[in-house]
C-alpha atoms as a PDB file:
ATOM      1  CA  MET A   1      14.897 -20.016 112.449  1.00  0.00           C
ATOM      2  CA  SER A   2      15.153 -16.693 110.648  1.00  0.00           C
ATOM      3  CA  SER A   3      18.135 -15.829 108.449  1.00  0.00           C
ATOM      4  CA  VAL A   4      19.855 -12.562 107.595  1.00  0.00           C
ATOM      5  CA  GLU A   5      18.031 -12.598 104.276  1.00  0.00           C
ATOM      6  CA  ASP A   6      14.746 -12.307 106.186  1.00  0.00           C
ATOM      7  CA  TYR A   7      15.952  -8.896 107.388  1.00  0.00           C
ATOM      8  CA  SER A   8      17.857  -7.656 104.352  1.00  0.00           C
ATOM      9  CA  GLN A   9      18.748  -9.236 101.041  1.00  0.00           C
ATOM     10  CA  LEU A  10      21.289  -6.442 100.491  1.00  0.00           C
ATOM     11  CA  LEU A  11      23.119  -7.396 103.672  1.00  0.00           C
ATOM     12  CA  GLN A  12      22.982 -11.078 102.741  1.00  0.00           C
ATOM     13  CA  ARG A  13      24.548 -10.364  99.335  1.00  0.00           C
ATOM     14  CA  ALA A  14      27.373  -8.446 101.007  1.00  0.00           C
ATOM     15  CA  ILE A  15      27.951 -11.327 103.442  1.00  0.00           C
ATOM     16  CA  ASP A  16      27.962 -13.826 100.578  1.00  0.00           C
ATOM     17  CA  ALA A  17      30.490 -11.685  98.707  1.00  0.00           C
ATOM     18  CA  PHE A  18      32.871 -11.542 101.683  1.00  0.00           C
ATOM     19  CA  ALA A  19      32.401 -15.255 102.395  1.00  0.00           C
ATOM     20  CA  SER A  20      33.519 -16.087  98.849  1.00  0.00           C
ATOM     21  CA  LEU A  21      37.032 -14.845  99.691  1.00  0.00           C
ATOM     22  CA  PRO A  22      39.658 -17.458 100.689  1.00  0.00           C
ATOM     23  CA  GLY A  23      39.855 -17.983 104.440  1.00  0.00           C
ATOM     24  CA  VAL A  24      36.738 -15.936 105.242  1.00  0.00           C
ATOM     25  CA  GLY A  25      33.970 -17.903 106.917  1.00  0.00           C
ATOM     26  CA  HIS A  26      30.313 -16.929 107.255  1.00  0.00           C
ATOM     27  CA  LYS A  27      30.707 -15.400 110.731  1.00  0.00           C
ATOM     28  CA  SER A  28      33.724 -13.347 109.695  1.00  0.00           C
ATOM     29  CA  ALA A  29      31.887 -12.228 106.574  1.00  0.00           C
ATOM     30  CA  MET A  30      28.944 -11.076 108.675  1.00  0.00           C
ATOM     31  CA  ARG A  31      31.223  -9.121 111.035  1.00  0.00           C
ATOM     32  CA  LEU A  32      32.873  -7.387 108.076  1.00  0.00           C
ATOM     33  CA  ALA A  33      29.577  -6.456 106.456  1.00  0.00           C
ATOM     34  CA  LEU A  34      28.085  -5.143 109.712  1.00  0.00           C
ATOM     35  CA  SER A  35      31.309  -3.264 110.483  1.00  0.00           C
ATOM     36  CA  LEU A  36      31.079  -1.432 107.156  1.00  0.00           C
ATOM     37  CA  LEU A  37      27.516  -0.406 107.968  1.00  0.00           C
ATOM     38  CA  ARG A  38      28.768   1.287 111.145  1.00  0.00           C
ATOM     39  CA  GLN A  39      31.385   3.303 109.284  1.00  0.00           C
ATOM     40  CA  GLU A  40      30.952   6.623 107.524  1.00  0.00           C
ATOM     41  CA  LYS A  41      29.837   6.121 103.916  1.00  0.00           C
ATOM     42  CA  SER A  42      33.016   7.804 102.688  1.00  0.00           C
ATOM     43  CA  PHE A  43      35.067   5.039 104.326  1.00  0.00           C
ATOM     44  CA  THR A  44      33.198   2.291 102.491  1.00  0.00           C
ATOM     45  CA  TYR A  45      33.302   4.241  99.238  1.00  0.00           C
ATOM     46  CA  ARG A  46      37.108   4.471  99.501  1.00  0.00           C
ATOM     47  CA  ILE A  47      37.295   0.694  99.829  1.00  0.00           C
ATOM     48  CA  SER A  48      34.969   0.059  96.903  1.00  0.00           C
ATOM     49  CA  ASP A  49      36.833   2.586  94.750  1.00  0.00           C
ATOM     50  CA  ALA A  50      40.172   0.975  95.600  1.00  0.00           C
ATOM     51  CA  LEU A  51      38.844  -2.467  94.647  1.00  0.00           C
ATOM     52  CA  ARG A  52      37.351  -1.176  91.393  1.00  0.00           C
ATOM     53  CA  ASN A  53      40.610   0.568  90.491  1.00  0.00           C
ATOM     54  CA  LEU A  54      42.514  -2.616  91.327  1.00  0.00           C
ATOM     55  CA  VAL A  55      40.379  -4.736  89.017  1.00  0.00           C
ATOM     56  CA  ASP A  56      40.253  -2.192  86.194  1.00  0.00           C
ATOM     57  CA  GLY A  57      43.780  -0.811  86.398  1.00  0.00           C
ATOM     58  CA  ILE A  58      46.156  -3.603  87.417  1.00  0.00           C
ATOM     59  CA  GLN A  59      48.402  -5.033  84.715  1.00  0.00           C
ATOM     60  CA  TYR A  60      50.951  -7.799  84.466  1.00  0.00           C
ATOM     61  CA  CYS A  61      54.470  -6.795  83.499  1.00  0.00           C
ATOM     62  CA  ALA A  62      55.254  -7.591  79.869  1.00  0.00           C
ATOM     63  CA  LYS A  63      58.732  -8.780  80.866  1.00  0.00           C
ATOM     64  CA  CYS A  64      58.444 -10.678  84.154  1.00  0.00           C
ATOM     65  CA  HIS A  65      54.647 -11.141  84.621  1.00  0.00           C
ATOM     66  CA  ASN A  66      54.657  -9.462  88.032  1.00  0.00           C
ATOM     67  CA  ILE A  67      51.750  -7.176  88.895  1.00  0.00           C
ATOM     68  CA  SER A  68      52.227  -3.606  87.778  1.00  0.00           C
ATOM     69  CA  ASP A  69      50.490  -0.273  87.295  1.00  0.00           C
ATOM     70  CA  GLU A  70      52.357   0.136  84.005  1.00  0.00           C
ATOM     71  CA  GLU A  71      53.334  -2.084  81.069  1.00  0.00           C
ATOM     72  CA  ILE A  72      56.756  -2.666  82.676  1.00  0.00           C
ATOM     73  CA  CYS A  73      56.828  -3.140  86.447  1.00  0.00           C
ATOM     74  CA  ARG A  74      58.789  -1.099  88.974  1.00  0.00           C
ATOM     75  CA  ILE A  75      61.376  -3.841  89.518  1.00  0.00           C
ATOM     76  CA  CYS A  76      62.138  -4.383  85.824  1.00  0.00           C
ATOM     77  CA  SER A  77      62.400  -0.611  85.356  1.00  0.00           C
ATOM     78  CA  ASP A  78      64.816  -0.139  88.256  1.00  0.00           C
ATOM     79  CA  GLU A  79      68.269   0.462  86.725  1.00  0.00           C
ATOM     80  CA  THR A  80      69.971  -0.048  90.097  1.00  0.00           C
ATOM     81  CA  ARG A  81      69.064  -3.748  90.176  1.00  0.00           C
ATOM     82  CA  ASP A  82      71.361  -6.493  88.878  1.00  0.00           C
ATOM     83  CA  PRO A  83      70.202  -7.111  85.276  1.00  0.00           C
ATOM     84  CA  HIS A  84      72.147 -10.378  84.953  1.00  0.00           C
ATOM     85  CA  THR A  85      70.423 -12.368  87.721  1.00  0.00           C
ATOM     86  CA  LEU A  86      66.913 -13.766  87.290  1.00  0.00           C
ATOM     87  CA  CYS A  87      64.904 -15.318  90.115  1.00  0.00           C
ATOM     88  CA  VAL A  88      62.146 -17.689  88.973  1.00  0.00           C
ATOM     89  CA  VAL A  89      59.165 -17.789  91.337  1.00  0.00           C
ATOM     90  CA  GLU A  90      55.696 -19.275  91.351  1.00  0.00           C
ATOM     91  CA  SER A  91      53.591 -16.229  92.126  1.00  0.00           C
ATOM     92  CA  VAL A  92      53.425 -12.523  92.849  1.00  0.00           C
ATOM     93  CA  ARG A  93      53.217 -13.384  96.556  1.00  0.00           C
ATOM     94  CA  ASP A  94      56.672 -14.956  96.343  1.00  0.00           C
ATOM     95  CA  VAL A  95      58.104 -11.785  94.799  1.00  0.00           C
ATOM     96  CA  MET A  96      56.721  -9.847  97.761  1.00  0.00           C
ATOM     97  CA  ALA A  97      58.158 -12.374 100.229  1.00  0.00           C
ATOM     98  CA  ILE A  98      61.649 -12.218  98.702  1.00  0.00           C
ATOM     99  CA  GLU A  99      61.571  -8.424  98.448  1.00  0.00           C
ATOM    100  CA  ARG A 100      60.768  -8.204 102.166  1.00  0.00           C
ATOM    101  CA  THR A 101      64.073  -9.912 102.972  1.00  0.00           C
ATOM    102  CA  GLY A 102      66.111  -7.153 101.307  1.00  0.00           C
ATOM    103  CA  GLN A 103      68.673  -9.802 100.333  1.00  0.00           C
ATOM    104  CA  TYR A 104      68.027  -9.960  96.596  1.00  0.00           C
ATOM    105  CA  GLN A 105      68.625  -7.184  94.075  1.00  0.00           C
ATOM    106  CA  GLY A 106      68.159  -8.962  90.746  1.00  0.00           C
ATOM    107  CA  LEU A 107      65.154  -9.412  88.470  1.00  0.00           C
ATOM    108  CA  TYR A 108      62.248 -11.876  88.566  1.00  0.00           C
ATOM    109  CA  HIS A 109      60.304 -14.197  86.310  1.00  0.00           C
ATOM    110  CA  VAL A 110      56.851 -15.079  87.646  1.00  0.00           C
ATOM    111  CA  LEU A 111      55.519 -18.402  86.336  1.00  0.00           C
ATOM    112  CA  GLY A 112      51.946 -17.965  87.504  1.00  0.00           C
ATOM    113  CA  GLY A 113      51.888 -21.406  89.135  1.00  0.00           C
ATOM    114  CA  VAL A 114      53.712 -24.729  89.149  1.00  0.00           C
ATOM    115  CA  ILE A 115      53.350 -27.901  87.116  1.00  0.00           C
ATOM    116  CA  SER A 116      50.673 -30.030  88.755  1.00  0.00           C
ATOM    117  CA  PRO A 117      49.161 -32.845  86.664  1.00  0.00           C
ATOM    118  CA  MET A 118      46.704 -33.646  89.477  1.00  0.00           C
ATOM    119  CA  ASP A 119      45.278 -30.139  89.092  1.00  0.00           C
ATOM    120  CA  GLY A 120      45.455 -30.182  85.317  1.00  0.00           C
ATOM    121  CA  VAL A 121      48.290 -27.634  85.194  1.00  0.00           C
ATOM    122  CA  GLY A 122      50.959 -28.352  82.584  1.00  0.00           C
ATOM    123  CA  PRO A 123      53.971 -26.391  81.298  1.00  0.00           C
ATOM    124  CA  GLN A 124      51.792 -24.807  78.623  1.00  0.00           C
ATOM    125  CA  ASP A 125      49.686 -23.169  81.340  1.00  0.00           C
ATOM    126  CA  LEU A 126      52.655 -21.312  82.843  1.00  0.00           C
ATOM    127  CA  PHE A 127      54.896 -18.464  81.667  1.00  0.00           C
ATOM    128  CA  LEU A 128      57.667 -20.837  80.647  1.00  0.00           C
ATOM    129  CA  HIS A 129      57.746 -20.467  76.877  1.00  0.00           C
ATOM    130  CA  ASP A 130      59.398 -17.029  76.984  1.00  0.00           C
ATOM    131  CA  LEU A 131      62.023 -17.897  79.619  1.00  0.00           C
ATOM    132  CA  PRO A 132      64.829 -19.179  77.326  1.00  0.00           C
ATOM    133  CA  THR A 133      64.404 -16.248  74.931  1.00  0.00           C
ATOM    134  CA  ARG A 134      64.392 -13.738  77.767  1.00  0.00           C
ATOM    135  CA  ILE A 135      67.590 -15.183  79.225  1.00  0.00           C
ATOM    136  CA  GLN A 136      69.390 -14.897  75.906  1.00  0.00           C
ATOM    137  CA  GLU A 137      68.063 -11.480  74.914  1.00  0.00           C
ATOM    138  CA  GLU A 138      68.746  -9.871  78.301  1.00  0.00           C
ATOM    139  CA  GLY A 139      72.145 -11.480  78.845  1.00  0.00           C
ATOM    140  CA  ILE A 140      71.105 -13.270  82.030  1.00  0.00           C
ATOM    141  CA  LYS A 141      74.072 -15.046  83.634  1.00  0.00           C
ATOM    142  CA  GLU A 142      72.352 -16.771  86.572  1.00  0.00           C
ATOM    143  CA  VAL A 143      68.867 -18.201  86.983  1.00  0.00           C
ATOM    144  CA  ILE A 144      67.802 -18.816  90.581  1.00  0.00           C
ATOM    145  CA  LEU A 145      65.048 -21.412  90.970  1.00  0.00           C
ATOM    146  CA  ALA A 146      63.106 -20.192  93.999  1.00  0.00           C
ATOM    147  CA  LEU A 147      60.034 -22.396  93.953  1.00  0.00           C
ATOM    148  CA  SER A 148      58.342 -23.982  96.961  1.00  0.00           C
ATOM    149  CA  THR A 149      59.896 -27.237  98.147  1.00  0.00           C
ATOM    150  CA  THR A 150      56.775 -29.230  97.334  1.00  0.00           C
ATOM    151  CA  MET A 151      56.586 -32.111  94.865  1.00  0.00           C
ATOM    152  CA  GLU A 152      55.033 -29.737  92.326  1.00  0.00           C
ATOM    153  CA  GLY A 153      57.750 -27.159  92.917  1.00  0.00           C
ATOM    154  CA  GLU A 154      60.526 -29.724  92.493  1.00  0.00           C
ATOM    155  CA  THR A 155      58.890 -31.060  89.321  1.00  0.00           C
ATOM    156  CA  THR A 156      58.784 -27.539  87.893  1.00  0.00           C
ATOM    157  CA  ASN A 157      62.407 -26.929  88.896  1.00  0.00           C
ATOM    158  CA  PHE A 158      63.530 -30.011  86.985  1.00  0.00           C
ATOM    159  CA  TYR A 159      61.417 -29.074  83.963  1.00  0.00           C
ATOM    160  CA  ILE A 160      63.063 -25.643  83.832  1.00  0.00           C
ATOM    161  CA  TYR A 161      66.495 -27.229  84.226  1.00  0.00           C
ATOM    162  CA  ARG A 162      65.803 -29.423  81.191  1.00  0.00           C
ATOM    163  CA  LEU A 163      64.265 -26.508  79.294  1.00  0.00           C
ATOM    164  CA  LEU A 164      67.460 -24.492  79.705  1.00  0.00           C
ATOM    165  CA  LYS A 165      69.935 -27.307  79.023  1.00  0.00           C
ATOM    166  CA  ASP A 166      71.052 -25.709  75.747  1.00  0.00           C
ATOM    167  CA  VAL A 167      71.152 -22.159  77.130  1.00  0.00           C
ATOM    168  CA  GLU A 168      74.454 -20.857  78.466  1.00  0.00           C
ATOM    169  CA  VAL A 169      73.402 -19.806  81.929  1.00  0.00           C
ATOM    170  CA  LYS A 170      74.246 -20.793  85.499  1.00  0.00           C
ATOM    171  CA  ILE A 171      71.275 -22.450  87.250  1.00  0.00           C
ATOM    172  CA  THR A 172      71.079 -22.346  91.038  1.00  0.00           C
ATOM    173  CA  THR A 173      68.421 -23.096  93.610  1.00  0.00           C
ATOM    174  CA  ILE A 174      67.739 -21.679  97.048  1.00  0.00           C
ATOM    175  CA  ALA A 175      69.465 -23.461  99.931  1.00  0.00           C
ATOM    176  CA  GLN A 176      67.531 -25.923 102.042  1.00  0.00           C
ATOM    177  CA  GLY A 177      66.662 -23.471 104.779  1.00  0.00           C
ATOM    178  CA  ILE A 178      63.074 -23.871 103.593  1.00  0.00           C
ATOM    179  CA  ALA A 179      61.650 -27.105 104.961  1.00  0.00           C
ATOM    180  CA  ILE A 180      60.523 -29.773 102.517  1.00  0.00           C
ATOM    181  CA  GLY A 181      56.873 -29.235 101.618  1.00  0.00           C
ATOM    182  CA  ASP A 182      56.835 -25.559 102.653  1.00  0.00           C
ATOM    183  CA  GLU A 183      55.375 -22.757 100.554  1.00  0.00           C
ATOM    184  CA  LEU A 184      57.886 -19.989  99.923  1.00  0.00           C
ATOM    185  CA  GLU A 185      55.536 -17.160 100.891  1.00  0.00           C
ATOM    186  CA  TYR A 186      55.119 -18.539 104.440  1.00  0.00           C
ATOM    187  CA  ALA A 187      58.841 -18.718 105.240  1.00  0.00           C
ATOM    188  CA  ASP A 188      60.094 -16.110 107.698  1.00  0.00           C
ATOM    189  CA  ASP A 189      62.153 -13.298 106.200  1.00  0.00           C
ATOM    190  CA  LEU A 190      65.431 -14.317 107.875  1.00  0.00           C
ATOM    191  CA  THR A 191      65.248 -17.948 106.712  1.00  0.00           C
ATOM    192  CA  LEU A 192      64.219 -16.986 103.199  1.00  0.00           C
ATOM    193  CA  GLY A 193      66.922 -14.334 102.959  1.00  0.00           C
ATOM    194  CA  ARG A 194      69.619 -16.805 104.041  1.00  0.00           C
ATOM    195  CA  SER A 195      68.314 -19.415 101.598  1.00  0.00           C
ATOM    196  CA  ILE A 196      68.731 -16.964  98.728  1.00  0.00           C
ATOM    197  CA  LEU A 197      72.211 -15.835  99.788  1.00  0.00           C
ATOM    198  CA  GLN A 198      73.384 -19.434 100.320  1.00  0.00           C
ATOM    199  CA  ARG A 199      71.935 -20.764  97.070  1.00  0.00           C
ATOM    200  CA  ILE A 200      73.591 -23.792  95.490  1.00  0.00           C
ATOM    201  CA  ASP A 201      74.180 -25.125  91.997  1.00  0.00           C
ATOM    202  CA  PHE A 202      71.072 -26.939  90.809  1.00  0.00           C
ATOM    203  CA  GLN A 203      73.021 -29.943  89.547  1.00  0.00           C
ATOM    204  CA  GLU A 204      74.488 -30.381  93.019  1.00  0.00           C
ATOM    205  CA  SER A 205      71.002 -30.322  94.525  1.00  0.00           C
ATOM    206  CA  LEU A 206      70.031 -33.295  92.339  1.00  0.00           C
ATOM    207  CA  LYS A 207      72.698 -35.444  94.012  1.00  0.00           C
ATOM    208  CA  ARG A 208      71.243 -34.967  97.478  1.00  0.00           C
END
Protein backbone atom coordinates (compact mmCIF):
# COMPACT_ATOMS: atom_id res chain seq x y z
CA MET A 1 0.00 0.00 0.00
CA SER A 2 1.41 3.37 -1.01
CA SER A 3 1.59 6.28 1.43
CA VAL A 4 1.40 10.04 0.99
CA GLU A 5 5.17 10.16 1.32
CA ASP A 6 5.42 8.11 -1.88
CA TYR A 7 3.81 11.06 -3.68
CA SER A 8 5.29 14.00 -1.79
CA GLN A 9 7.51 14.26 1.25
CA LEU A 10 6.60 17.95 1.49
CA LEU A 11 2.92 17.09 1.82
CA GLN A 12 3.71 14.38 4.37
CA ARG A 13 5.67 16.84 6.52
CA ALA A 14 2.75 19.27 6.46
CA ILE A 15 0.35 16.47 7.47
CA ASP A 16 2.68 15.40 10.27
CA ALA A 17 2.86 19.00 11.50
CA PHE A 18 -0.93 19.36 11.63
CA ALA A 19 -1.33 15.92 13.23
CA SER A 20 0.98 16.97 16.07
CA LEU A 21 -1.66 19.47 17.26
CA PRO A 22 -4.00 18.38 20.10
CA GLY A 23 -7.23 16.85 18.84
CA VAL A 24 -6.12 16.65 15.20
CA GLY A 25 -6.00 13.13 13.79
CA HIS A 26 -4.23 11.95 10.65
CA LYS A 27 -7.31 12.25 8.41
CA SER A 28 -8.09 15.75 9.64
CA ALA A 29 -4.46 16.73 9.17
CA MET A 30 -4.54 15.48 5.59
CA ARG A 31 -7.74 17.43 4.84
CA LEU A 32 -6.17 20.61 6.23
CA ALA A 33 -2.97 20.21 4.24
CA LEU A 34 -4.82 19.45 0.99
CA SER A 35 -7.22 22.34 1.63
CA LEU A 36 -4.30 24.76 1.90
CA LEU A 37 -2.97 23.52 -1.43
CA ARG A 38 -6.28 24.48 -3.07
CA GLN A 39 -6.16 28.01 -1.71
CA GLU A 40 -4.40 31.02 -3.19
CA LYS A 41 -0.79 31.22 -1.98
CA SER A 42 -1.51 34.57 -0.35
CA PHE A 43 -4.06 32.87 1.92
CA THR A 44 -1.55 30.32 3.17
CA TYR A 45 1.13 32.98 3.55
CA ARG A 46 -1.21 35.01 5.80
CA ILE A 47 -1.65 31.98 8.04
CA SER A 48 2.07 31.24 8.22
CA ASP A 49 2.86 34.90 8.91
CA ALA A 50 0.26 35.03 11.68
CA LEU A 51 1.74 31.91 13.31
CA ARG A 52 5.29 33.24 13.03
CA ASN A 53 4.25 36.57 14.54
CA LEU A 54 2.44 34.72 17.32
CA VAL A 55 5.51 32.69 18.24
CA ASP A 56 7.97 35.57 17.91
CA GLY A 57 5.86 38.40 19.31
CA ILE A 58 3.64 37.04 22.09
CA GLN A 59 4.61 37.91 25.65
CA TYR A 60 3.34 37.07 29.11
CA CYS A 61 2.20 39.96 31.26
CA ALA A 62 4.77 40.90 33.90
CA LYS A 63 1.98 41.39 36.45
CA CYS A 64 -0.62 38.66 35.91
CA HIS A 65 1.10 36.22 33.47
CA ASN A 66 -1.71 36.46 30.92
CA ILE A 67 -0.77 36.54 27.24
CA SER A 68 -0.04 39.99 25.92
CA ASP A 69 1.38 41.94 23.00
CA GLU A 70 3.08 44.27 25.48
CA GLU A 71 4.94 43.94 28.79
CA ILE A 72 1.68 44.69 30.66
CA CYS A 73 -1.49 43.13 29.27
CA ARG A 74 -4.65 44.93 28.19
CA ILE A 75 -6.59 43.88 31.29
CA CYS A 76 -3.96 45.02 33.80
CA SER A 77 -3.65 48.32 31.92
CA ASP A 78 -7.40 48.99 31.91
CA GLU A 79 -8.04 51.71 34.51
CA THR A 80 -11.80 51.07 34.41
CA ARG A 81 -11.42 47.63 36.00
CA ASP A 82 -11.67 47.02 39.75
CA PRO A 83 -8.05 47.10 40.99
CA HIS A 84 -8.92 45.58 44.38
CA THR A 85 -10.29 42.22 43.18
CA LEU A 86 -8.00 39.46 41.91
CA CYS A 87 -9.25 36.29 40.23
CA VAL A 88 -6.81 33.37 40.36
CA VAL A 89 -7.11 31.02 37.39
CA GLU A 90 -5.22 28.07 35.99
CA SER A 91 -4.63 29.19 32.42
CA VAL A 92 -5.07 31.83 29.76
CA ARG A 93 -8.05 29.84 28.45
CA ASP A 94 -9.83 30.40 31.77
CA VAL A 95 -9.29 34.16 31.51
CA MET A 96 -10.94 34.05 28.09
CA ALA A 97 -13.84 31.96 29.43
CA ILE A 98 -14.51 34.35 32.33
CA GLU A 99 -14.19 37.43 30.11
CA ARG A 100 -16.83 35.99 27.76
CA THR A 101 -19.37 36.04 30.60
CA GLY A 102 -19.07 39.82 31.04
CA GLN A 103 -19.74 39.31 34.76
CA TYR A 104 -16.28 40.06 36.13
CA GLN A 105 -14.47 43.40 36.00
CA GLY A 106 -11.48 42.82 38.27
CA LEU A 107 -7.92 41.67 37.60
CA TYR A 108 -6.43 38.20 37.12
CA HIS A 109 -3.51 36.09 38.26
CA VAL A 110 -2.71 33.21 35.91
CA LEU A 111 -0.94 30.30 37.63
CA GLY A 112 0.09 28.46 34.48
CA GLY A 113 -1.29 25.15 35.77
CA VAL A 114 -2.38 23.42 38.96
CA ILE A 115 -0.54 21.35 41.55
CA SER A 116 -0.45 17.77 40.32
CA PRO A 117 2.08 15.43 41.97
CA MET A 118 1.10 12.63 39.55
CA ASP A 119 2.28 14.84 36.68
CA GLY A 120 5.31 16.11 38.54
CA VAL A 121 3.88 19.63 38.93
CA GLY A 122 4.54 21.25 42.31
CA PRO A 123 3.97 24.76 43.70
CA GLN A 124 7.43 25.78 42.53
CA ASP A 125 6.38 25.15 38.92
CA LEU A 126 3.51 27.65 39.08
CA PHE A 127 3.28 31.44 39.38
CA LEU A 128 2.54 31.28 43.09
CA HIS A 129 5.63 32.83 44.63
CA ASP A 130 4.69 36.38 43.61
CA LEU A 131 1.02 36.17 44.66
CA PRO A 132 1.34 37.30 48.31
CA THR A 133 3.61 40.20 47.36
CA ARG A 134 1.31 41.29 44.56
CA ILE A 135 -1.71 41.28 46.87
CA GLN A 136 0.05 43.49 49.39
CA GLU A 137 1.67 45.87 46.92
CA GLU A 138 -1.49 46.41 44.86
CA GLY A 139 -3.87 46.67 47.82
CA ILE A 140 -5.96 43.68 46.76
CA LYS A 141 -8.98 43.25 49.05
CA GLU A 142 -10.49 40.05 47.62
CA VAL A 143 -8.91 37.01 46.00
CA ILE A 144 -11.32 34.81 44.03
CA LEU A 145 -10.15 31.22 43.60
CA ALA A 146 -11.56 30.23 40.21
CA LEU A 147 -9.85 26.93 39.53
CA SER A 148 -11.43 23.83 38.01
CA THR A 149 -13.34 21.63 40.44
CA THR A 150 -10.96 18.72 39.96
CA MET A 151 -8.85 17.12 42.68
CA GLU A 152 -5.84 19.05 41.39
CA GLY A 153 -7.80 22.30 41.36
CA GLU A 154 -9.04 21.79 44.92
CA THR A 155 -5.52 20.92 46.09
CA THR A 156 -4.21 24.14 44.55
CA ASN A 157 -7.05 26.14 46.12
CA PHE A 158 -6.15 24.86 49.57
CA TYR A 159 -2.44 25.52 48.99
CA ILE A 160 -3.19 29.14 48.08
CA TYR A 161 -5.46 29.48 51.11
CA ARG A 162 -2.59 28.36 53.35
CA LEU A 163 -0.11 30.52 51.45
CA LEU A 164 -2.20 33.62 52.15
CA LYS A 165 -3.06 32.84 55.78
CA ASP A 166 -0.94 35.74 57.05
CA VAL A 167 -2.08 38.18 54.35
CA GLU A 168 -5.00 40.47 55.14
CA VAL A 169 -7.27 39.65 52.24
CA LYS A 170 -10.72 38.14 51.77
CA ILE A 171 -10.55 34.74 50.01
CA THR A 172 -13.58 33.50 48.10
CA THR A 173 -14.25 30.73 45.63
CA ILE A 174 -16.70 30.40 42.77
CA ALA A 175 -20.09 28.92 43.66
CA GLN A 176 -20.80 25.29 42.91
CA GLY A 177 -22.55 25.93 39.62
CA ILE A 178 -19.57 24.17 38.04
CA ALA A 179 -19.97 20.43 38.42
CA ILE A 180 -17.36 18.51 40.39
CA GLY A 181 -14.57 17.38 38.08
CA ASP A 182 -15.34 19.97 35.37
CA GLU A 183 -12.74 22.15 33.69
CA LEU A 184 -13.56 25.84 33.96
CA GLU A 185 -13.01 26.60 30.28
CA TYR A 186 -15.75 24.14 29.22
CA ALA A 187 -18.49 25.62 31.41
CA ASP A 188 -21.18 27.54 29.55
CA ASP A 189 -21.04 31.32 29.90
CA LEU A 190 -24.27 31.62 31.91
CA THR A 191 -23.27 29.00 34.50
CA LEU A 192 -19.76 30.39 34.84
CA GLY A 193 -21.02 33.95 35.13
CA ARG A 194 -23.47 32.99 37.90
CA SER A 195 -20.76 31.03 39.72
CA ILE A 196 -18.56 34.13 39.83
CA LEU A 197 -21.36 36.45 40.96
CA GLN A 198 -22.52 34.00 43.65
CA ARG A 199 -19.04 33.25 44.97
CA ILE A 200 -18.70 32.18 48.59
CA ASP A 201 -16.16 32.54 51.37
CA PHE A 202 -13.47 29.90 50.95
CA GLN A 203 -13.56 28.89 54.61
CA GLU A 204 -17.27 28.16 54.26
CA SER A 205 -16.58 25.96 51.25
CA LEU A 206 -14.27 23.80 53.39
CA LYS A 207 -17.18 22.89 55.67
CA ARG A 208 -19.24 21.41 52.86
